[in-house]
């Protein structure tokens, strides 16, 4: 729905902008309507942007999603509240931040071979730090 609205607004901006910019020999009433529509689209676009930002910063789950985009992990409570189907996939084995995709998802690298998952973590037997290979 959002993509359709943005695409329609973009088409409206292009059509009315061309009409106003090229100063074609168009009737005055048509230029007037194009100017009104161009202004309306600008005000609507700004209002939609501000409402989107307000939703992100003023709602709890909006802040959780913003944090997930920045830090890469979604709080378990938010995931279960907003996306209950993840519980069937993830199970109830982890707590706190999920820190990534649900267990068992195609993006989960926990069951991948060590070469695909990155260097192995240091163990108690080894006093040397893990070596990152390039």
N, C-alpha and C. Protein backbone atom coordinates (compact mmCIF):
# COMPACT_ATOMS: atom_id res chain seq x y z
N UNK A 1 0.82 -1.19 0.00
CA UNK A 1 0.00 0.00 0.00
C UNK A 1 0.87 1.26 0.00
N UNK A 2 1.92 1.24 0.82
CA UNK A 2 2.80 2.39 0.90
C UNK A 2 3.49 2.63 -0.44
N UNK A 3 3.95 1.57 -1.09
CA UNK A 3 4.63 1.71 -2.38
C UNK A 3 3.69 2.29 -3.43
N UNK A 4 2.44 1.89 -3.40
CA UNK A 4 1.47 2.41 -4.37
C UNK A 4 1.25 3.91 -4.14
N UNK A 5 1.13 4.31 -2.88
CA UNK A 5 0.93 5.72 -2.57
C UNK A 5 2.14 6.56 -2.99
N UNK A 6 3.34 6.08 -2.69
CA UNK A 6 4.55 6.81 -3.06
C UNK A 6 4.68 6.89 -4.59
N UNK A 7 4.38 5.81 -5.29
CA UNK A 7 4.45 5.81 -6.75
C UNK A 7 3.43 6.78 -7.34
N UNK A 8 2.21 6.79 -6.80
CA UNK A 8 1.18 7.71 -7.30
C UNK A 8 1.58 9.16 -7.05
N UNK A 9 2.15 9.42 -5.89
CA UNK A 9 2.60 10.78 -5.60
C UNK A 9 3.75 11.18 -6.52
N UNK A 10 4.65 10.26 -6.81
CA UNK A 10 5.77 10.56 -7.71
C UNK A 10 5.27 10.88 -9.11
N UNK A 11 4.32 10.11 -9.60
CA UNK A 11 3.73 10.38 -10.92
C UNK A 11 3.05 11.74 -10.91
N UNK A 12 2.32 12.03 -9.85
CA UNK A 12 1.66 13.33 -9.75
C UNK A 12 2.65 14.48 -9.73
N UNK A 13 3.75 14.32 -9.00
CA UNK A 13 4.78 15.36 -8.97
C UNK A 13 5.40 15.55 -10.36
N UNK A 14 5.69 14.46 -11.05
CA UNK A 14 6.32 14.57 -12.37
C UNK A 14 5.39 15.25 -13.36
N UNK A 15 4.14 14.82 -13.42
CA UNK A 15 3.19 15.39 -14.39
C UNK A 15 2.94 16.87 -14.11
N UNK A 16 2.64 17.21 -12.88
CA UNK A 16 2.37 18.61 -12.58
C UNK A 16 3.64 19.45 -12.66
N UNK A 17 4.78 18.87 -12.28
CA UNK A 17 6.04 19.60 -12.37
C UNK A 17 6.42 19.93 -13.80
N UNK A 18 6.22 18.98 -14.71
CA UNK A 18 6.50 19.22 -16.13
C UNK A 18 5.58 20.31 -16.66
N UNK A 19 4.32 20.24 -16.29
CA UNK A 19 3.37 21.26 -16.75
C UNK A 19 3.77 22.65 -16.26
N UNK A 20 4.22 22.75 -15.02
CA UNK A 20 4.58 24.05 -14.47
C UNK A 20 5.96 24.51 -14.93
N UNK A 21 6.88 23.59 -15.10
CA UNK A 21 8.25 23.95 -15.44
C UNK A 21 8.42 24.34 -16.90
N UNK A 22 7.79 23.59 -17.80
CA UNK A 22 7.97 23.86 -19.23
C UNK A 22 7.12 25.01 -19.74
N UNK A 23 6.19 25.48 -18.95
CA UNK A 23 5.34 26.61 -19.32
C UNK A 23 4.73 26.41 -20.71
N UNK A 24 4.14 25.25 -20.88
CA UNK A 24 3.49 24.94 -22.15
C UNK A 24 2.30 25.87 -22.37
N UNK A 25 1.86 25.96 -23.59
CA UNK A 25 0.68 26.77 -23.90
C UNK A 25 -0.57 26.01 -23.47
N UNK A 26 -0.81 26.04 -22.18
CA UNK A 26 -1.96 25.34 -21.60
C UNK A 26 -2.96 26.36 -21.10
N UNK A 27 -4.23 25.97 -21.06
CA UNK A 27 -5.23 26.90 -20.53
C UNK A 27 -4.93 27.26 -19.07
N UNK A 28 -5.31 28.45 -18.68
CA UNK A 28 -5.03 28.95 -17.34
C UNK A 28 -5.66 28.06 -16.26
N UNK A 29 -6.86 27.54 -16.52
CA UNK A 29 -7.51 26.70 -15.52
C UNK A 29 -6.72 25.43 -15.27
N UNK A 30 -6.07 24.87 -16.33
CA UNK A 30 -5.30 23.64 -16.18
C UNK A 30 -4.00 23.90 -15.41
N UNK A 31 -3.36 25.03 -15.68
CA UNK A 31 -2.14 25.39 -14.95
C UNK A 31 -2.49 25.64 -13.48
N UNK A 32 -3.62 26.27 -13.24
CA UNK A 32 -4.06 26.53 -11.87
C UNK A 32 -4.30 25.22 -11.12
N UNK A 33 -4.95 24.26 -11.78
CA UNK A 33 -5.21 22.96 -11.14
C UNK A 33 -3.90 22.20 -10.90
N UNK A 34 -2.97 22.30 -11.85
CA UNK A 34 -1.68 21.64 -11.69
C UNK A 34 -0.91 22.23 -10.51
N UNK A 35 -0.95 23.54 -10.38
CA UNK A 35 -0.27 24.20 -9.25
C UNK A 35 -0.90 23.79 -7.93
N UNK A 36 -2.23 23.71 -7.89
CA UNK A 36 -2.92 23.29 -6.66
C UNK A 36 -2.55 21.85 -6.32
N UNK A 37 -2.57 20.95 -7.31
CA UNK A 37 -2.27 19.55 -7.07
C UNK A 37 -0.80 19.38 -6.63
N UNK A 38 0.09 20.12 -7.25
CA UNK A 38 1.51 20.04 -6.88
C UNK A 38 1.70 20.47 -5.41
N UNK A 39 1.06 21.55 -5.02
CA UNK A 39 1.13 22.00 -3.63
C UNK A 39 0.50 21.01 -2.67
N UNK A 40 -0.64 20.45 -3.06
CA UNK A 40 -1.31 19.46 -2.23
C UNK A 40 -0.43 18.24 -2.01
N UNK A 41 0.21 17.77 -3.08
CA UNK A 41 1.09 16.61 -2.96
C UNK A 41 2.28 16.92 -2.05
N UNK A 42 2.81 18.14 -2.13
CA UNK A 42 3.92 18.52 -1.26
C UNK A 42 3.50 18.51 0.20
N UNK A 43 2.36 19.10 0.50
CA UNK A 43 1.87 19.14 1.89
C UNK A 43 1.56 17.72 2.38
N UNK A 44 0.94 16.90 1.52
CA UNK A 44 0.62 15.52 1.91
C UNK A 44 1.89 14.72 2.16
N UNK A 45 2.90 14.90 1.31
CA UNK A 45 4.16 14.18 1.48
C UNK A 45 4.85 14.55 2.78
N UNK A 46 4.87 15.84 3.10
CA UNK A 46 5.48 16.28 4.36
C UNK A 46 4.70 15.75 5.55
N UNK A 47 3.36 15.79 5.47
CA UNK A 47 2.53 15.27 6.57
C UNK A 47 2.76 13.76 6.77
N UNK A 48 2.86 13.01 5.67
CA UNK A 48 3.11 11.57 5.79
C UNK A 48 4.49 11.29 6.38
N UNK A 49 5.50 12.06 5.99
CA UNK A 49 6.83 11.89 6.55
C UNK A 49 6.83 12.18 8.05
N UNK A 50 6.22 13.28 8.44
CA UNK A 50 6.18 13.63 9.87
C UNK A 50 5.40 12.61 10.69
N UNK A 51 4.30 12.10 10.14
CA UNK A 51 3.53 11.09 10.87
C UNK A 51 4.32 9.79 10.98
N UNK A 52 5.08 9.45 9.95
CA UNK A 52 5.93 8.25 10.00
C UNK A 52 7.00 8.40 11.09
N UNK A 53 7.64 9.55 11.12
CA UNK A 53 8.66 9.79 12.15
C UNK A 53 8.05 9.79 13.55
N UNK A 54 6.86 10.38 13.70
CA UNK A 54 6.18 10.38 14.99
C UNK A 54 5.87 8.96 15.43
N UNK A 55 5.43 8.12 14.50
CA UNK A 55 5.14 6.73 14.83
C UNK A 55 6.39 6.02 15.32
N UNK A 56 7.52 6.27 14.66
CA UNK A 56 8.77 5.61 15.05
C UNK A 56 9.23 6.06 16.42
N UNK A 57 9.18 7.36 16.69
CA UNK A 57 9.76 7.87 17.94
C UNK A 57 8.79 7.89 19.12
N UNK A 58 7.49 7.89 18.87
CA UNK A 58 6.54 8.02 19.97
C UNK A 58 5.88 6.72 20.40
N UNK A 59 5.98 5.65 19.60
CA UNK A 59 5.39 4.38 20.02
C UNK A 59 6.49 3.43 20.46
N UNK A 60 6.14 2.56 21.40
CA UNK A 60 7.12 1.62 21.95
C UNK A 60 7.64 0.67 20.88
N UNK A 61 6.75 0.07 20.10
CA UNK A 61 7.24 -0.87 19.10
C UNK A 61 7.97 -0.16 17.97
N UNK A 62 7.64 1.10 17.69
CA UNK A 62 8.39 1.87 16.70
C UNK A 62 9.83 2.07 17.13
N UNK A 63 10.02 2.40 18.43
CA UNK A 63 11.38 2.54 18.96
C UNK A 63 12.11 1.20 18.97
N UNK A 64 11.38 0.12 19.27
CA UNK A 64 12.00 -1.21 19.25
C UNK A 64 12.47 -1.57 17.84
N UNK A 65 11.66 -1.26 16.83
CA UNK A 65 12.04 -1.56 15.46
C UNK A 65 13.21 -0.70 15.01
N UNK A 66 13.23 0.56 15.43
CA UNK A 66 14.35 1.44 15.09
C UNK A 66 15.64 0.90 15.73
N UNK A 67 15.55 0.48 16.97
CA UNK A 67 16.70 -0.10 17.65
C UNK A 67 17.16 -1.37 16.94
N UNK A 68 16.22 -2.18 16.48
CA UNK A 68 16.56 -3.41 15.77
C UNK A 68 17.27 -3.09 14.45
N UNK A 69 16.84 -2.04 13.77
CA UNK A 69 17.50 -1.66 12.52
C UNK A 69 18.92 -1.17 12.78
N UNK A 70 19.12 -0.48 13.89
CA UNK A 70 20.44 0.07 14.19
C UNK A 70 21.37 -0.99 14.77
N UNK A 71 20.87 -1.79 15.73
CA UNK A 71 21.71 -2.72 16.47
C UNK A 71 21.64 -4.15 15.96
N UNK A 72 20.65 -4.49 15.15
CA UNK A 72 20.59 -5.82 14.57
C UNK A 72 19.86 -6.86 15.38
N UNK A 73 19.16 -6.49 16.45
CA UNK A 73 18.43 -7.47 17.25
C UNK A 73 17.13 -6.89 17.76
N UNK A 74 16.09 -7.69 17.75
CA UNK A 74 14.78 -7.26 18.21
C UNK A 74 14.50 -7.89 19.56
N UNK A 75 13.99 -7.10 20.50
CA UNK A 75 13.65 -7.63 21.83
C UNK A 75 12.66 -8.78 21.68
N UNK A 76 12.85 -9.81 22.46
CA UNK A 76 11.99 -11.00 22.37
C UNK A 76 10.53 -10.66 22.64
N UNK A 77 10.27 -9.78 23.61
CA UNK A 77 8.90 -9.42 23.94
C UNK A 77 8.20 -8.77 22.73
N UNK A 78 8.91 -7.89 22.04
CA UNK A 78 8.33 -7.23 20.88
C UNK A 78 8.10 -8.23 19.76
N UNK A 79 9.07 -9.12 19.54
CA UNK A 79 8.92 -10.13 18.49
C UNK A 79 7.71 -11.02 18.76
N UNK A 80 7.53 -11.44 19.99
CA UNK A 80 6.41 -12.32 20.30
C UNK A 80 5.08 -11.58 20.25
N UNK A 81 5.09 -10.32 20.66
CA UNK A 81 3.86 -9.53 20.66
C UNK A 81 3.41 -9.20 19.25
N UNK A 82 4.35 -8.78 18.41
CA UNK A 82 4.01 -8.29 17.07
C UNK A 82 4.07 -9.39 16.01
N UNK A 83 4.84 -10.45 16.25
CA UNK A 83 5.04 -11.51 15.25
C UNK A 83 4.96 -12.86 15.94
N UNK A 84 3.78 -13.25 16.35
CA UNK A 84 3.62 -14.46 17.16
C UNK A 84 4.03 -15.73 16.43
N UNK A 85 4.05 -15.73 15.10
CA UNK A 85 4.45 -16.94 14.37
C UNK A 85 5.93 -17.26 14.57
N UNK A 86 6.73 -16.28 14.98
CA UNK A 86 8.14 -16.54 15.22
C UNK A 86 8.33 -17.51 16.38
N UNK A 87 7.41 -17.54 17.34
CA UNK A 87 7.55 -18.41 18.50
C UNK A 87 7.57 -19.87 18.08
N UNK A 88 6.77 -20.21 17.08
CA UNK A 88 6.75 -21.59 16.61
C UNK A 88 8.09 -21.98 16.00
N UNK A 89 8.75 -21.03 15.37
CA UNK A 89 10.04 -21.30 14.73
C UNK A 89 11.16 -21.24 15.75
N UNK A 90 11.16 -20.21 16.61
CA UNK A 90 12.26 -19.98 17.53
C UNK A 90 12.19 -20.85 18.78
N UNK A 91 11.01 -21.24 19.18
CA UNK A 91 10.87 -21.99 20.42
C UNK A 91 11.08 -21.06 21.59
N UNK A 92 11.23 -21.61 22.76
CA UNK A 92 11.40 -20.77 23.94
C UNK A 92 12.76 -20.99 24.57
N UNK A 93 13.80 -21.19 23.74
CA UNK A 93 15.12 -21.49 24.28
C UNK A 93 15.94 -20.25 24.59
N UNK A 94 15.70 -19.13 23.89
CA UNK A 94 16.50 -17.93 24.14
C UNK A 94 15.70 -16.93 24.94
N UNK A 95 16.41 -16.02 25.60
CA UNK A 95 15.74 -14.96 26.35
C UNK A 95 16.41 -13.64 26.03
N UNK A 96 15.74 -12.54 26.32
CA UNK A 96 16.30 -11.22 26.05
C UNK A 96 16.22 -10.91 24.57
N UNK A 97 17.26 -10.33 24.03
CA UNK A 97 17.31 -9.95 22.64
C UNK A 97 17.56 -11.18 21.79
N UNK A 98 16.86 -11.28 20.67
CA UNK A 98 17.06 -12.42 19.79
C UNK A 98 18.39 -12.30 19.09
N UNK A 99 18.86 -11.08 18.83
CA UNK A 99 20.17 -10.88 18.25
C UNK A 99 20.29 -11.35 16.81
N UNK A 100 19.22 -11.72 16.17
CA UNK A 100 19.32 -12.18 14.79
C UNK A 100 18.06 -12.91 14.40
N UNK A 101 18.17 -13.71 13.35
CA UNK A 101 16.99 -14.42 12.87
C UNK A 101 16.58 -15.52 13.83
N UNK A 102 15.33 -15.95 13.77
CA UNK A 102 14.88 -17.04 14.63
C UNK A 102 15.68 -18.30 14.36
N UNK A 103 15.82 -19.13 15.38
CA UNK A 103 16.54 -20.39 15.22
C UNK A 103 15.84 -21.24 14.17
N UNK A 104 16.62 -21.86 13.32
CA UNK A 104 16.06 -22.72 12.29
C UNK A 104 15.70 -21.99 11.02
N UNK A 105 15.80 -20.66 10.98
CA UNK A 105 15.47 -19.92 9.77
C UNK A 105 16.62 -20.07 8.78
N UNK A 106 16.39 -19.79 7.50
CA UNK A 106 17.46 -19.94 6.50
C UNK A 106 18.67 -19.07 6.80
N UNK A 107 18.51 -17.96 7.51
CA UNK A 107 19.62 -17.07 7.81
C UNK A 107 20.35 -17.45 9.09
N UNK A 108 19.90 -18.48 9.79
CA UNK A 108 20.51 -18.86 11.05
C UNK A 108 21.81 -19.61 10.76
N UNK A 109 22.94 -19.11 11.29
CA UNK A 109 24.23 -19.73 11.00
C UNK A 109 24.74 -20.57 12.17
N UNK A 110 23.91 -20.85 13.17
CA UNK A 110 24.38 -21.63 14.32
C UNK A 110 24.72 -23.06 13.94
N UNK A 111 24.01 -23.63 12.95
CA UNK A 111 24.28 -25.00 12.55
C UNK A 111 25.22 -25.07 11.36
N UNK A 112 25.74 -23.94 10.92
CA UNK A 112 26.63 -23.92 9.76
C UNK A 112 28.01 -24.40 10.17
N UNK A 113 28.77 -24.88 9.20
CA UNK A 113 30.14 -25.28 9.52
C UNK A 113 30.95 -24.08 10.01
N UNK A 114 32.00 -24.31 10.80
CA UNK A 114 32.77 -23.20 11.37
C UNK A 114 33.31 -22.23 10.33
N UNK A 115 33.68 -22.72 9.16
CA UNK A 115 34.23 -21.82 8.14
C UNK A 115 33.18 -20.83 7.66
N UNK A 116 31.90 -21.23 7.63
CA UNK A 116 30.84 -20.34 7.18
C UNK A 116 30.38 -19.41 8.30
N UNK A 117 30.48 -19.87 9.53
CA UNK A 117 30.00 -19.07 10.65
C UNK A 117 31.05 -18.12 11.19
N UNK A 118 32.28 -18.19 10.71
CA UNK A 118 33.34 -17.32 11.19
C UNK A 118 34.26 -18.07 12.12
N UNK A 119 35.23 -17.38 12.72
CA UNK A 119 36.18 -18.07 13.60
C UNK A 119 35.50 -18.60 14.84
N UNK A 120 36.00 -19.72 15.32
CA UNK A 120 35.44 -20.34 16.52
C UNK A 120 35.80 -19.51 17.74
N UNK A 121 34.91 -19.43 18.74
CA UNK A 121 35.23 -18.68 19.95
C UNK A 121 36.34 -19.37 20.75
N UNK A 122 37.06 -18.58 21.52
CA UNK A 122 38.14 -19.13 22.35
C UNK A 122 37.55 -20.01 23.44
N UNK A 123 38.23 -21.10 23.73
CA UNK A 123 37.78 -22.00 24.79
C UNK A 123 38.72 -21.87 25.98
N UNK A 124 38.35 -22.52 27.09
CA UNK A 124 39.18 -22.44 28.29
C UNK A 124 40.52 -23.12 28.10
N UNK A 125 40.59 -24.19 27.27
CA UNK A 125 41.85 -24.90 27.06
C UNK A 125 42.86 -24.02 26.32
N UNK A 126 42.38 -23.16 25.45
CA UNK A 126 43.27 -22.33 24.64
C UNK A 126 43.40 -20.95 25.28
N UNK A 127 44.62 -20.55 25.54
CA UNK A 127 44.82 -19.22 26.11
C UNK A 127 45.04 -18.18 25.03
N UNK A 128 45.18 -18.61 23.77
CA UNK A 128 45.39 -17.68 22.68
C UNK A 128 44.05 -17.15 22.18
N UNK A 129 44.00 -15.87 21.81
CA UNK A 129 42.75 -15.33 21.27
C UNK A 129 42.47 -15.90 19.88
N UNK A 130 41.21 -15.92 19.46
CA UNK A 130 40.88 -16.45 18.13
C UNK A 130 41.50 -15.56 17.06
N UNK A 131 41.87 -16.17 15.95
CA UNK A 131 42.49 -15.46 14.85
C UNK A 131 41.44 -15.23 13.78
N UNK A 132 41.29 -13.96 13.37
CA UNK A 132 40.36 -13.64 12.28
C UNK A 132 41.09 -13.84 10.97
N UNK A 133 40.54 -14.66 10.10
CA UNK A 133 41.16 -14.94 8.80
C UNK A 133 40.51 -14.08 7.73
N UNK A 134 41.34 -13.61 6.82
CA UNK A 134 40.82 -12.78 5.73
C UNK A 134 40.81 -13.53 4.44
